[in-house]
Amino acid sequence: MNQLLTSGPVWYLMRASGVVSLVLLTAVSALGIATTSRLRPGRVPRFVTLGLHRNISLLAVVFLSVHVLTAILDPDATVRLTAVILPLPSDRYGLWLGLGALALDVIIALVVTSLLRQHLAPRAWRALHYLAYLAWPVALVHGAGIGTDSGTLWMVAVDAGCVAVFGAAIAVRLLTAPSPASKHLSPPRVRVAP
């Protein structure tokens, strides 16, 4: 059994689940931004974008859980449970593992607050959900710093694609967000009874 864990399937599963988690978290972030910006392709109802955001979020959490679990189980990685939870630099992996722990902690906070959303004030939930803007780049830097494939052409292409998608989503969010001045200058909407 120990032979099976050493540089074998568990190690490959840890690497693959990390890459898939990054891609899924990128999609989740872009869909979250699209949902808050009320953007959707064509005549697709808003609930489709919101549903995709929720379902891909769940899938991302599954792959992230696999990534963390395999990092703990892989005897070559020698990652302790405390290092996964506490965002502190480790002896072997330095700052990179601490960044992964920080991203994981933020994602856990996002999941928990989303599950408790009905019990939170909308403003509080929204404020906490802005942490997603922190989790994504921290997760990206974690993978670039600690990933065994981080220097390969295919992983650089995956990272570049994720950066492009996330950057485009942020740009769209900034361009579509109403400015504080326009909120005060726009006339109030008058509803006319039929």
N, C-alpha and C. Protein backbone atom coordinates (compact mmCIF):
# COMPACT_ATOMS: atom_id res chain seq x y z
N MET A 1 0.83 -1.20 0.00
CA MET A 1 0.00 0.00 0.00
C MET A 1 0.87 1.25 0.00
N ASN A 2 1.95 1.27 0.80
CA ASN A 2 2.82 2.43 0.84
C ASN A 2 3.47 2.67 -0.52
N GLN A 3 3.78 1.59 -1.27
CA GLN A 3 4.33 1.70 -2.62
C GLN A 3 3.35 2.46 -3.52
N LEU A 4 2.06 2.23 -3.33
CA LEU A 4 1.03 2.88 -4.13
C LEU A 4 1.00 4.39 -3.87
N LEU A 5 1.35 4.81 -2.67
CA LEU A 5 1.30 6.22 -2.32
C LEU A 5 2.55 6.99 -2.75
N THR A 6 3.67 6.31 -2.96
CA THR A 6 4.93 6.99 -3.23
C THR A 6 5.06 7.33 -4.71
N SER A 7 5.11 8.63 -5.01
CA SER A 7 5.32 9.13 -6.37
C SER A 7 4.49 8.38 -7.41
N GLY A 8 3.37 7.93 -7.01
CA GLY A 8 2.51 7.21 -7.91
C GLY A 8 1.20 7.93 -8.10
N PRO A 9 0.13 7.17 -8.07
CA PRO A 9 -1.19 7.74 -8.34
C PRO A 9 -1.58 8.90 -7.42
N VAL A 10 -1.21 8.83 -6.15
CA VAL A 10 -1.59 9.91 -5.22
C VAL A 10 -0.87 11.20 -5.60
N TRP A 11 0.39 11.10 -5.97
CA TRP A 11 1.16 12.29 -6.36
C TRP A 11 0.57 12.90 -7.63
N TYR A 12 0.26 12.05 -8.61
CA TYR A 12 -0.35 12.56 -9.85
C TYR A 12 -1.73 13.15 -9.59
N LEU A 13 -2.48 12.52 -8.71
CA LEU A 13 -3.81 13.03 -8.37
C LEU A 13 -3.70 14.38 -7.66
N MET A 14 -2.69 14.54 -6.80
CA MET A 14 -2.48 15.81 -6.12
C MET A 14 -2.18 16.90 -7.15
N ARG A 15 -1.31 16.63 -8.08
CA ARG A 15 -0.95 17.62 -9.11
C ARG A 15 -2.14 17.94 -9.99
N ALA A 16 -2.82 16.91 -10.47
CA ALA A 16 -3.95 17.13 -11.38
C ALA A 16 -5.09 17.86 -10.70
N SER A 17 -5.39 17.48 -9.47
CA SER A 17 -6.50 18.14 -8.76
C SER A 17 -6.16 19.60 -8.45
N GLY A 18 -4.90 19.91 -8.27
CA GLY A 18 -4.49 21.30 -8.07
C GLY A 18 -4.73 22.14 -9.33
N VAL A 19 -4.36 21.58 -10.47
CA VAL A 19 -4.56 22.29 -11.75
C VAL A 19 -6.04 22.46 -12.04
N VAL A 20 -6.80 21.39 -11.87
CA VAL A 20 -8.25 21.46 -12.12
C VAL A 20 -8.90 22.44 -11.15
N SER A 21 -8.45 22.46 -9.90
CA SER A 21 -9.00 23.42 -8.93
C SER A 21 -8.77 24.85 -9.38
N LEU A 22 -7.58 25.14 -9.88
CA LEU A 22 -7.29 26.49 -10.36
C LEU A 22 -8.20 26.87 -11.52
N VAL A 23 -8.37 25.97 -12.46
CA VAL A 23 -9.24 26.25 -13.62
C VAL A 23 -10.68 26.46 -13.16
N LEU A 24 -11.16 25.60 -12.26
CA LEU A 24 -12.53 25.74 -11.77
C LEU A 24 -12.71 27.01 -10.94
N LEU A 25 -11.72 27.35 -10.11
CA LEU A 25 -11.83 28.58 -9.32
C LEU A 25 -11.81 29.82 -10.23
N THR A 26 -11.09 29.72 -11.33
CA THR A 26 -11.11 30.81 -12.31
C THR A 26 -12.50 30.96 -12.90
N ALA A 27 -13.10 29.83 -13.29
CA ALA A 27 -14.46 29.86 -13.85
C ALA A 27 -15.46 30.37 -12.82
N VAL A 28 -15.33 29.93 -11.58
CA VAL A 28 -16.22 30.38 -10.51
C VAL A 28 -16.11 31.88 -10.32
N SER A 29 -14.88 32.38 -10.29
CA SER A 29 -14.66 33.82 -10.11
C SER A 29 -15.27 34.61 -11.26
N ALA A 30 -15.02 34.16 -12.48
CA ALA A 30 -15.57 34.86 -13.66
C ALA A 30 -17.09 34.83 -13.66
N LEU A 31 -17.68 33.69 -13.32
CA LEU A 31 -19.15 33.60 -13.27
C LEU A 31 -19.72 34.42 -12.12
N GLY A 32 -19.02 34.46 -11.00
CA GLY A 32 -19.47 35.29 -9.88
C GLY A 32 -19.48 36.76 -10.27
N ILE A 33 -18.43 37.18 -10.94
CA ILE A 33 -18.36 38.57 -11.40
C ILE A 33 -19.46 38.84 -12.43
N ALA A 34 -19.68 37.89 -13.33
CA ALA A 34 -20.73 38.06 -14.33
C ALA A 34 -22.10 38.14 -13.67
N THR A 35 -22.31 37.35 -12.64
CA THR A 35 -23.59 37.36 -11.94
C THR A 35 -23.82 38.69 -11.24
N THR A 36 -22.80 39.20 -10.54
CA THR A 36 -22.98 40.47 -9.84
C THR A 36 -23.09 41.64 -10.81
N SER A 37 -22.48 41.49 -11.98
CA SER A 37 -22.56 42.54 -13.01
C SER A 37 -23.82 42.39 -13.86
N ARG A 38 -24.59 41.34 -13.57
CA ARG A 38 -25.81 41.04 -14.31
C ARG A 38 -25.54 40.82 -15.79
N LEU A 39 -24.39 40.21 -16.08
CA LEU A 39 -24.03 39.90 -17.46
C LEU A 39 -24.42 38.46 -17.76
N ARG A 40 -24.88 38.24 -18.97
CA ARG A 40 -25.19 36.89 -19.42
C ARG A 40 -25.22 36.89 -20.94
N PRO A 41 -24.88 35.77 -21.53
CA PRO A 41 -24.85 35.71 -22.99
C PRO A 41 -26.27 35.68 -23.58
N GLY A 42 -26.51 36.58 -24.51
CA GLY A 42 -27.79 36.59 -25.22
C GLY A 42 -28.98 36.74 -24.30
N ARG A 43 -29.93 35.86 -24.50
CA ARG A 43 -31.17 35.90 -23.72
C ARG A 43 -31.21 34.84 -22.62
N VAL A 44 -30.04 34.39 -22.25
CA VAL A 44 -29.95 33.37 -21.20
C VAL A 44 -30.43 34.01 -19.89
N PRO A 45 -31.37 33.36 -19.20
CA PRO A 45 -31.85 33.92 -17.93
C PRO A 45 -30.72 34.00 -16.89
N ARG A 46 -30.84 34.95 -16.00
CA ARG A 46 -29.82 35.17 -14.96
C ARG A 46 -29.63 33.94 -14.07
N PHE A 47 -30.70 33.19 -13.85
CA PHE A 47 -30.58 32.03 -12.97
C PHE A 47 -29.64 30.97 -13.54
N VAL A 48 -29.45 30.97 -14.87
CA VAL A 48 -28.52 30.01 -15.47
C VAL A 48 -27.09 30.35 -15.06
N THR A 49 -26.72 31.63 -15.16
CA THR A 49 -25.39 32.05 -14.75
C THR A 49 -25.18 31.79 -13.26
N LEU A 50 -26.18 32.11 -12.46
CA LEU A 50 -26.09 31.88 -11.03
C LEU A 50 -25.99 30.38 -10.72
N GLY A 51 -26.77 29.58 -11.41
CA GLY A 51 -26.72 28.13 -11.21
C GLY A 51 -25.37 27.54 -11.60
N LEU A 52 -24.82 28.01 -12.71
CA LEU A 52 -23.48 27.56 -13.11
C LEU A 52 -22.45 27.95 -12.05
N HIS A 53 -22.56 29.17 -11.56
CA HIS A 53 -21.64 29.64 -10.52
C HIS A 53 -21.70 28.73 -9.30
N ARG A 54 -22.88 28.40 -8.86
CA ARG A 54 -23.03 27.54 -7.67
C ARG A 54 -22.52 26.13 -7.92
N ASN A 55 -22.90 25.55 -9.06
CA ASN A 55 -22.51 24.16 -9.35
C ASN A 55 -21.02 24.02 -9.59
N ILE A 56 -20.43 24.96 -10.30
CA ILE A 56 -18.98 24.90 -10.51
C ILE A 56 -18.25 25.16 -9.20
N SER A 57 -18.83 25.99 -8.33
CA SER A 57 -18.25 26.21 -7.00
C SER A 57 -18.19 24.89 -6.22
N LEU A 58 -19.26 24.14 -6.27
CA LEU A 58 -19.28 22.84 -5.58
C LEU A 58 -18.23 21.90 -6.16
N LEU A 59 -18.13 21.88 -7.48
CA LEU A 59 -17.14 21.02 -8.13
C LEU A 59 -15.72 21.46 -7.76
N ALA A 60 -15.50 22.76 -7.69
CA ALA A 60 -14.19 23.29 -7.30
C ALA A 60 -13.84 22.87 -5.88
N VAL A 61 -14.82 22.90 -4.99
CA VAL A 61 -14.59 22.49 -3.60
C VAL A 61 -14.23 21.00 -3.54
N VAL A 62 -14.87 20.18 -4.36
CA VAL A 62 -14.55 18.75 -4.40
C VAL A 62 -13.11 18.55 -4.85
N PHE A 63 -12.71 19.18 -5.95
CA PHE A 63 -11.34 19.03 -6.45
C PHE A 63 -10.32 19.62 -5.47
N LEU A 64 -10.66 20.72 -4.84
CA LEU A 64 -9.77 21.32 -3.85
C LEU A 64 -9.61 20.38 -2.66
N SER A 65 -10.69 19.74 -2.24
CA SER A 65 -10.62 18.77 -1.14
C SER A 65 -9.71 17.60 -1.51
N VAL A 66 -9.85 17.11 -2.74
CA VAL A 66 -8.98 16.02 -3.21
C VAL A 66 -7.53 16.48 -3.21
N HIS A 67 -7.28 17.71 -3.67
CA HIS A 67 -5.93 18.25 -3.72
C HIS A 67 -5.31 18.30 -2.31
N VAL A 68 -6.06 18.81 -1.36
CA VAL A 68 -5.56 18.93 0.02
C VAL A 68 -5.36 17.55 0.64
N LEU A 69 -6.33 16.67 0.48
CA LEU A 69 -6.24 15.33 1.05
C LEU A 69 -5.05 14.56 0.49
N THR A 70 -4.85 14.64 -0.82
CA THR A 70 -3.72 13.91 -1.41
C THR A 70 -2.38 14.54 -1.01
N ALA A 71 -2.35 15.85 -0.77
CA ALA A 71 -1.11 16.48 -0.29
C ALA A 71 -0.76 15.96 1.10
N ILE A 72 -1.78 15.70 1.91
CA ILE A 72 -1.54 15.17 3.26
C ILE A 72 -1.15 13.70 3.19
N LEU A 73 -1.78 12.93 2.28
CA LEU A 73 -1.52 11.50 2.19
C LEU A 73 -0.22 11.15 1.50
N ASP A 74 0.24 11.98 0.58
CA ASP A 74 1.44 11.67 -0.18
C ASP A 74 2.67 11.75 0.73
N PRO A 75 3.36 10.61 0.92
CA PRO A 75 4.52 10.62 1.83
C PRO A 75 5.68 11.46 1.29
N ASP A 76 5.77 11.67 -0.01
CA ASP A 76 6.83 12.51 -0.57
C ASP A 76 6.57 13.98 -0.31
N ALA A 77 5.31 14.37 -0.28
CA ALA A 77 4.97 15.78 -0.05
C ALA A 77 5.17 16.16 1.41
N THR A 78 4.95 15.26 2.30
CA THR A 78 5.07 15.47 3.75
C THR A 78 4.43 16.78 4.21
N VAL A 79 3.20 16.95 3.84
CA VAL A 79 2.44 18.14 4.26
C VAL A 79 1.59 17.72 5.46
N ARG A 80 1.77 18.45 6.56
CA ARG A 80 1.00 18.14 7.77
C ARG A 80 -0.33 18.88 7.73
N LEU A 81 -1.31 18.36 8.42
CA LEU A 81 -2.64 18.95 8.48
C LEU A 81 -2.58 20.39 9.00
N THR A 82 -1.76 20.65 9.98
CA THR A 82 -1.68 22.02 10.51
C THR A 82 -1.15 22.99 9.45
N ALA A 83 -0.24 22.53 8.59
CA ALA A 83 0.30 23.40 7.54
C ALA A 83 -0.75 23.72 6.49
N VAL A 84 -1.73 22.84 6.34
CA VAL A 84 -2.81 23.07 5.38
C VAL A 84 -3.78 24.12 5.90
N ILE A 85 -3.95 24.17 7.21
CA ILE A 85 -4.94 25.07 7.80
C ILE A 85 -4.32 26.41 8.21
N LEU A 86 -3.13 26.39 8.80
CA LEU A 86 -2.50 27.62 9.28
C LEU A 86 -1.67 28.25 8.16
N PRO A 87 -1.99 29.48 7.79
CA PRO A 87 -1.26 30.12 6.68
C PRO A 87 0.11 30.66 7.11
N LEU A 88 1.00 29.75 7.46
CA LEU A 88 2.34 30.13 7.88
C LEU A 88 3.35 29.47 6.95
N PRO A 89 4.49 30.09 6.72
CA PRO A 89 5.52 29.44 5.90
C PRO A 89 5.96 28.13 6.56
N SER A 90 6.22 27.12 5.75
CA SER A 90 6.66 25.83 6.28
C SER A 90 8.16 25.68 6.05
N ASP A 91 8.74 24.70 6.74
CA ASP A 91 10.17 24.45 6.60
C ASP A 91 10.53 24.07 5.16
N ARG A 92 9.81 23.13 4.64
CA ARG A 92 10.16 22.56 3.33
C ARG A 92 9.68 23.41 2.17
N TYR A 93 8.50 24.00 2.28
CA TYR A 93 7.90 24.68 1.13
C TYR A 93 7.87 26.19 1.28
N GLY A 94 8.41 26.69 2.36
CA GLY A 94 8.48 28.13 2.54
C GLY A 94 7.13 28.82 2.50
N LEU A 95 7.12 29.93 1.83
CA LEU A 95 5.94 30.78 1.73
C LEU A 95 4.82 30.13 0.91
N TRP A 96 5.17 29.29 -0.06
CA TRP A 96 4.19 28.76 -1.03
C TRP A 96 3.08 27.95 -0.37
N LEU A 97 3.43 27.12 0.59
CA LEU A 97 2.42 26.32 1.29
C LEU A 97 1.56 27.22 2.17
N GLY A 98 2.17 28.22 2.78
CA GLY A 98 1.39 29.18 3.57
C GLY A 98 0.37 29.92 2.73
N LEU A 99 0.74 30.28 1.49
CA LEU A 99 -0.21 30.93 0.59
C LEU A 99 -1.35 29.99 0.22
N GLY A 100 -1.03 28.72 0.02
CA GLY A 100 -2.08 27.73 -0.27
C GLY A 100 -3.04 27.60 0.90
N ALA A 101 -2.50 27.60 2.11
CA ALA A 101 -3.35 27.53 3.31
C ALA A 101 -4.22 28.77 3.43
N LEU A 102 -3.66 29.94 3.11
CA LEU A 102 -4.44 31.17 3.16
C LEU A 102 -5.59 31.13 2.15
N ALA A 103 -5.28 30.71 0.93
CA ALA A 103 -6.33 30.59 -0.09
C ALA A 103 -7.41 29.60 0.35
N LEU A 104 -6.99 28.48 0.93
CA LEU A 104 -7.95 27.48 1.41
C LEU A 104 -8.82 28.06 2.52
N ASP A 105 -8.22 28.77 3.46
CA ASP A 105 -8.99 29.37 4.55
C ASP A 105 -10.02 30.37 4.03
N VAL A 106 -9.62 31.17 3.05
CA VAL A 106 -10.56 32.14 2.47
C VAL A 106 -11.69 31.42 1.75
N ILE A 107 -11.36 30.37 1.03
CA ILE A 107 -12.40 29.61 0.31
C ILE A 107 -13.35 28.94 1.30
N ILE A 108 -12.82 28.42 2.39
CA ILE A 108 -13.68 27.83 3.43
C ILE A 108 -14.62 28.90 3.98
N ALA A 109 -14.10 30.09 4.23
CA ALA A 109 -14.95 31.19 4.72
C ALA A 109 -16.03 31.54 3.70
N LEU A 110 -15.69 31.53 2.42
CA LEU A 110 -16.69 31.81 1.38
C LEU A 110 -17.78 30.73 1.35
N VAL A 111 -17.36 29.48 1.47
CA VAL A 111 -18.34 28.38 1.44
C VAL A 111 -19.26 28.45 2.66
N VAL A 112 -18.67 28.63 3.84
CA VAL A 112 -19.47 28.67 5.07
C VAL A 112 -20.45 29.84 5.04
N THR A 113 -19.98 31.02 4.64
CA THR A 113 -20.88 32.17 4.62
C THR A 113 -21.94 32.03 3.53
N SER A 114 -21.61 31.34 2.45
CA SER A 114 -22.62 31.10 1.41
C SER A 114 -23.69 30.14 1.91
N LEU A 115 -23.27 29.14 2.68
CA LEU A 115 -24.24 28.21 3.26
C LEU A 115 -25.13 28.89 4.29
N LEU A 116 -24.57 29.89 4.98
CA LEU A 116 -25.32 30.62 6.01
C LEU A 116 -25.89 31.94 5.50
N ARG A 117 -25.91 32.12 4.20
CA ARG A 117 -26.30 33.40 3.62
C ARG A 117 -27.66 33.89 4.10
N GLN A 118 -28.60 32.98 4.25
CA GLN A 118 -29.95 33.39 4.68
C GLN A 118 -29.96 33.95 6.10
N HIS A 119 -28.92 33.66 6.87
CA HIS A 119 -28.85 34.15 8.25
C HIS A 119 -27.97 35.40 8.38
N LEU A 120 -27.40 35.84 7.27
CA LEU A 120 -26.52 37.01 7.30
C LEU A 120 -27.19 38.19 6.62
N ALA A 121 -26.84 39.36 7.05
CA ALA A 121 -27.31 40.56 6.37
C ALA A 121 -26.68 40.59 4.97
N PRO A 122 -27.43 40.99 3.96
CA PRO A 122 -26.88 41.00 2.60
C PRO A 122 -25.57 41.76 2.47
N ARG A 123 -25.48 42.90 3.15
CA ARG A 123 -24.24 43.68 3.09
C ARG A 123 -23.06 42.92 3.69
N ALA A 124 -23.30 42.22 4.79
CA ALA A 124 -22.24 41.46 5.45
C ALA A 124 -21.79 40.31 4.55
N TRP A 125 -22.75 39.61 3.97
CA TRP A 125 -22.40 38.50 3.08
C TRP A 125 -21.61 39.02 1.88
N ARG A 126 -22.05 40.10 1.30
CA ARG A 126 -21.37 40.67 0.13
C ARG A 126 -19.95 41.10 0.50
N ALA A 127 -19.79 41.73 1.64
CA ALA A 127 -18.47 42.17 2.09
C ALA A 127 -17.53 40.97 2.27
N LEU A 128 -18.04 39.90 2.86
CA LEU A 128 -17.23 38.70 3.04
C LEU A 128 -16.93 38.04 1.69
N HIS A 129 -17.88 38.12 0.78
CA HIS A 129 -17.70 37.49 -0.52
C HIS A 129 -16.64 38.20 -1.37
N TYR A 130 -16.34 39.45 -1.03
CA TYR A 130 -15.26 40.16 -1.73
C TYR A 130 -13.91 39.51 -1.47
N LEU A 131 -13.83 38.63 -0.48
CA LEU A 131 -12.60 37.90 -0.22
C LEU A 131 -12.22 37.00 -1.39
N ALA A 132 -13.18 36.68 -2.24
CA ALA A 132 -12.88 35.86 -3.41
C ALA A 132 -11.85 36.55 -4.30
N TYR A 133 -11.86 37.89 -4.30
CA TYR A 133 -10.87 38.62 -5.08
C TYR A 133 -9.46 38.42 -4.52
N LEU A 134 -9.35 38.01 -3.28
CA LEU A 134 -8.07 37.70 -2.67
C LEU A 134 -7.71 36.23 -2.88
N ALA A 135 -8.67 35.35 -2.76
CA ALA A 135 -8.40 33.91 -2.81
C ALA A 135 -7.82 33.48 -4.15
N TRP A 136 -8.36 34.00 -5.23
CA TRP A 136 -7.92 33.54 -6.55
C TRP A 136 -6.45 33.84 -6.82
N PRO A 137 -5.99 35.10 -6.70
CA PRO A 137 -4.58 35.33 -6.99
C PRO A 137 -3.64 34.62 -6.01
N VAL A 138 -4.06 34.48 -4.77
CA VAL A 138 -3.22 33.78 -3.79
C VAL A 138 -3.09 32.31 -4.18
N ALA A 139 -4.19 31.69 -4.64
CA ALA A 139 -4.14 30.30 -5.10
C ALA A 139 -3.25 30.17 -6.34
N LEU A 140 -3.33 31.13 -7.23
CA LEU A 140 -2.49 31.11 -8.43
C LEU A 140 -1.01 31.17 -8.06
N VAL A 141 -0.65 32.08 -7.17
CA VAL A 141 0.75 32.23 -6.75
C VAL A 141 1.21 30.98 -6.01
N HIS A 142 0.33 30.39 -5.21
CA HIS A 142 0.65 29.14 -4.51
C HIS A 142 1.06 28.06 -5.52
N GLY A 143 0.24 27.88 -6.55
CA GLY A 143 0.54 26.86 -7.55
C GLY A 143 1.79 27.16 -8.34
N ALA A 144 1.99 28.44 -8.68
CA ALA A 144 3.18 28.82 -9.44
C ALA A 144 4.46 28.63 -8.62
N GLY A 145 4.35 28.80 -7.31
CA GLY A 145 5.53 28.69 -6.46
C GLY A 145 5.86 27.28 -6.03
N ILE A 146 4.83 26.46 -5.81
CA ILE A 146 5.08 25.14 -5.24
C ILE A 146 4.87 24.01 -6.26
N GLY A 147 4.13 24.29 -7.31
CA GLY A 147 3.79 23.25 -8.28
C GLY A 147 5.00 22.70 -9.01
N THR A 148 5.07 21.38 -9.11
CA THR A 148 6.20 20.75 -9.79
C THR A 148 6.15 20.97 -11.30
N ASP A 149 5.00 21.37 -11.82
CA ASP A 149 4.87 21.62 -13.24
C ASP A 149 4.87 23.12 -13.58
N SER A 150 5.13 23.96 -12.60
CA SER A 150 4.95 25.40 -12.80
C SER A 150 5.82 25.98 -13.91
N GLY A 151 6.95 25.39 -14.22
CA GLY A 151 7.81 25.91 -15.27
C GLY A 151 7.56 25.32 -16.64
N THR A 152 6.71 24.31 -16.72
CA THR A 152 6.47 23.67 -18.01
C THR A 152 5.60 24.56 -18.90
N LEU A 153 5.75 24.38 -20.20
CA LEU A 153 5.02 25.20 -21.16
C LEU A 153 3.51 25.06 -20.99
N TRP A 154 3.04 23.83 -20.77
CA TRP A 154 1.59 23.63 -20.66
C TRP A 154 1.03 24.30 -19.42
N MET A 155 1.78 24.28 -18.30
CA MET A 155 1.28 24.90 -17.08
C MET A 155 1.35 26.42 -17.18
N VAL A 156 2.37 26.94 -17.82
CA VAL A 156 2.45 28.39 -18.05
C VAL A 156 1.25 28.82 -18.89
N ALA A 157 0.89 28.00 -19.89
CA ALA A 157 -0.27 28.31 -20.74
C ALA A 157 -1.57 28.27 -19.93
N VAL A 158 -1.71 27.29 -19.04
CA VAL A 158 -2.90 27.21 -18.17
C VAL A 158 -2.96 28.44 -17.27
N ASP A 159 -1.83 28.77 -16.64
CA ASP A 159 -1.80 29.95 -15.76
C ASP A 159 -2.12 31.22 -16.54
N ALA A 160 -1.54 31.36 -17.73
CA ALA A 160 -1.79 32.55 -18.55
C ALA A 160 -3.26 32.63 -18.96
N GLY A 161 -3.85 31.50 -19.30
CA GLY A 161 -5.28 31.48 -19.65
C GLY A 161 -6.15 31.88 -18.47
N CYS A 162 -5.81 31.36 -17.30
CA CYS A 162 -6.57 31.71 -16.09
C CYS A 162 -6.42 33.19 -15.76
N VAL A 163 -5.21 33.72 -15.89
CA VAL A 163 -4.99 35.14 -15.64
C VAL A 163 -5.79 35.98 -16.63
N ALA A 164 -5.82 35.57 -17.89
CA ALA A 164 -6.57 36.31 -18.92
C ALA A 164 -8.06 36.32 -18.60
N VAL A 165 -8.61 35.17 -18.22
CA VAL A 165 -10.04 35.09 -17.90
C VAL A 165 -10.36 35.92 -16.66
N PHE A 166 -9.57 35.77 -15.61
CA PHE A 166 -9.82 36.52 -14.38
C PHE A 166 -9.64 38.02 -14.63
N GLY A 167 -8.59 38.39 -15.35
CA GLY A 167 -8.36 39.80 -15.67
C GLY A 167 -9.48 40.40 -16.50
N ALA A 168 -9.97 39.63 -17.48
CA ALA A 168 -11.08 40.12 -18.30
C ALA A 168 -12.34 40.29 -17.46
N ALA A 169 -12.59 39.35 -16.55
CA ALA A 169 -13.77 39.46 -15.69
C ALA A 169 -13.67 40.70 -14.79
N ILE A 170 -12.49 40.94 -14.24
CA ILE A 170 -12.30 42.13 -13.40
C ILE A 170 -12.50 43.40 -14.23
N ALA A 171 -11.96 43.41 -15.45
CA ALA A 171 -12.10 44.58 -16.32
C ALA A 171 -13.57 44.85 -16.63
N VAL A 172 -14.31 43.78 -16.93
CA VAL A 172 -15.75 43.93 -17.21
C VAL A 172 -16.46 44.45 -15.98
N ARG A 173 -16.10 43.94 -14.82
CA ARG A 173 -16.73 44.39 -13.56
C ARG A 173 -16.48 45.87 -13.33
N LEU A 174 -15.25 46.29 -13.54
CA LEU A 174 -14.91 47.69 -13.33
C LEU A 174 -15.58 48.60 -14.37
N LEU A 175 -15.71 48.11 -15.59
CA LEU A 175 -16.33 48.93 -16.64
C LEU A 175 -17.84 49.00 -16.54
N THR A 176 -18.46 47.98 -15.93
CA THR A 176 -19.92 47.96 -15.84
C THR A 176 -20.44 48.45 -14.51
N ALA A 177 -19.56 48.60 -13.53
CA ALA A 177 -20.01 49.07 -12.22
C ALA A 177 -20.38 50.55 -12.30
N PRO A 178 -21.53 50.90 -11.75
CA PRO A 178 -21.90 52.31 -11.76
C PRO A 178 -20.97 53.09 -10.84
N SER A 179 -20.58 54.27 -11.27
CA SER A 179 -19.71 55.09 -10.42
C SER A 179 -20.54 55.67 -9.29
N PRO A 180 -19.92 55.97 -8.16
CA PRO A 180 -20.67 56.56 -7.04
C PRO A 180 -21.35 57.87 -7.44
N ALA A 181 -20.72 58.64 -8.31
CA ALA A 181 -21.31 59.91 -8.74
C ALA A 181 -22.56 59.68 -9.58
N SER A 182 -22.54 58.64 -10.43
CA SER A 182 -23.70 58.40 -11.29
C SER A 182 -24.92 57.93 -10.49
N LYS A 183 -24.68 57.32 -9.35
CA LYS A 183 -25.81 56.89 -8.50
C LYS A 183 -26.55 58.11 -7.97
N HIS A 184 -25.82 59.16 -7.66
CA HIS A 184 -26.43 60.37 -7.12
C HIS A 184 -27.00 61.27 -8.21
N LEU A 185 -26.44 61.19 -9.42
CA LEU A 185 -26.86 62.08 -10.50
C LEU A 185 -28.05 61.54 -11.29
N SER A 186 -28.23 60.23 -11.28
CA SER A 186 -29.32 59.67 -12.08
C SER A 186 -30.66 59.98 -11.41
N PRO A 187 -31.64 60.30 -12.24
CA PRO A 187 -32.96 60.62 -11.66
C PRO A 187 -33.59 59.37 -11.09
N PRO A 188 -34.43 59.52 -10.10
CA PRO A 188 -35.09 58.33 -9.53
C PRO A 188 -36.02 57.73 -10.56
N ARG A 189 -36.15 56.42 -10.51
CA ARG A 189 -37.05 55.74 -11.44
C ARG A 189 -38.48 55.90 -10.96
N VAL A 190 -39.31 56.24 -11.89
CA VAL A 190 -40.72 56.43 -11.58
C VAL A 190 -41.48 55.26 -12.18
N ARG A 191 -42.24 54.62 -11.37
CA ARG A 191 -43.01 53.49 -11.84
C ARG A 191 -44.40 53.99 -12.20
N VAL A 192 -44.79 53.69 -13.41
CA VAL A 192 -46.10 54.12 -13.90
C VAL A 192 -47.05 52.92 -13.81
N ALA A 193 -48.15 53.13 -13.17
CA ALA A 193 -49.15 52.06 -13.02
C ALA A 193 -49.80 51.82 -14.37
N PRO A 194 -50.09 50.57 -14.72
CA PRO A 194 -50.75 50.29 -16.00
C PRO A 194 -52.19 50.74 -16.04
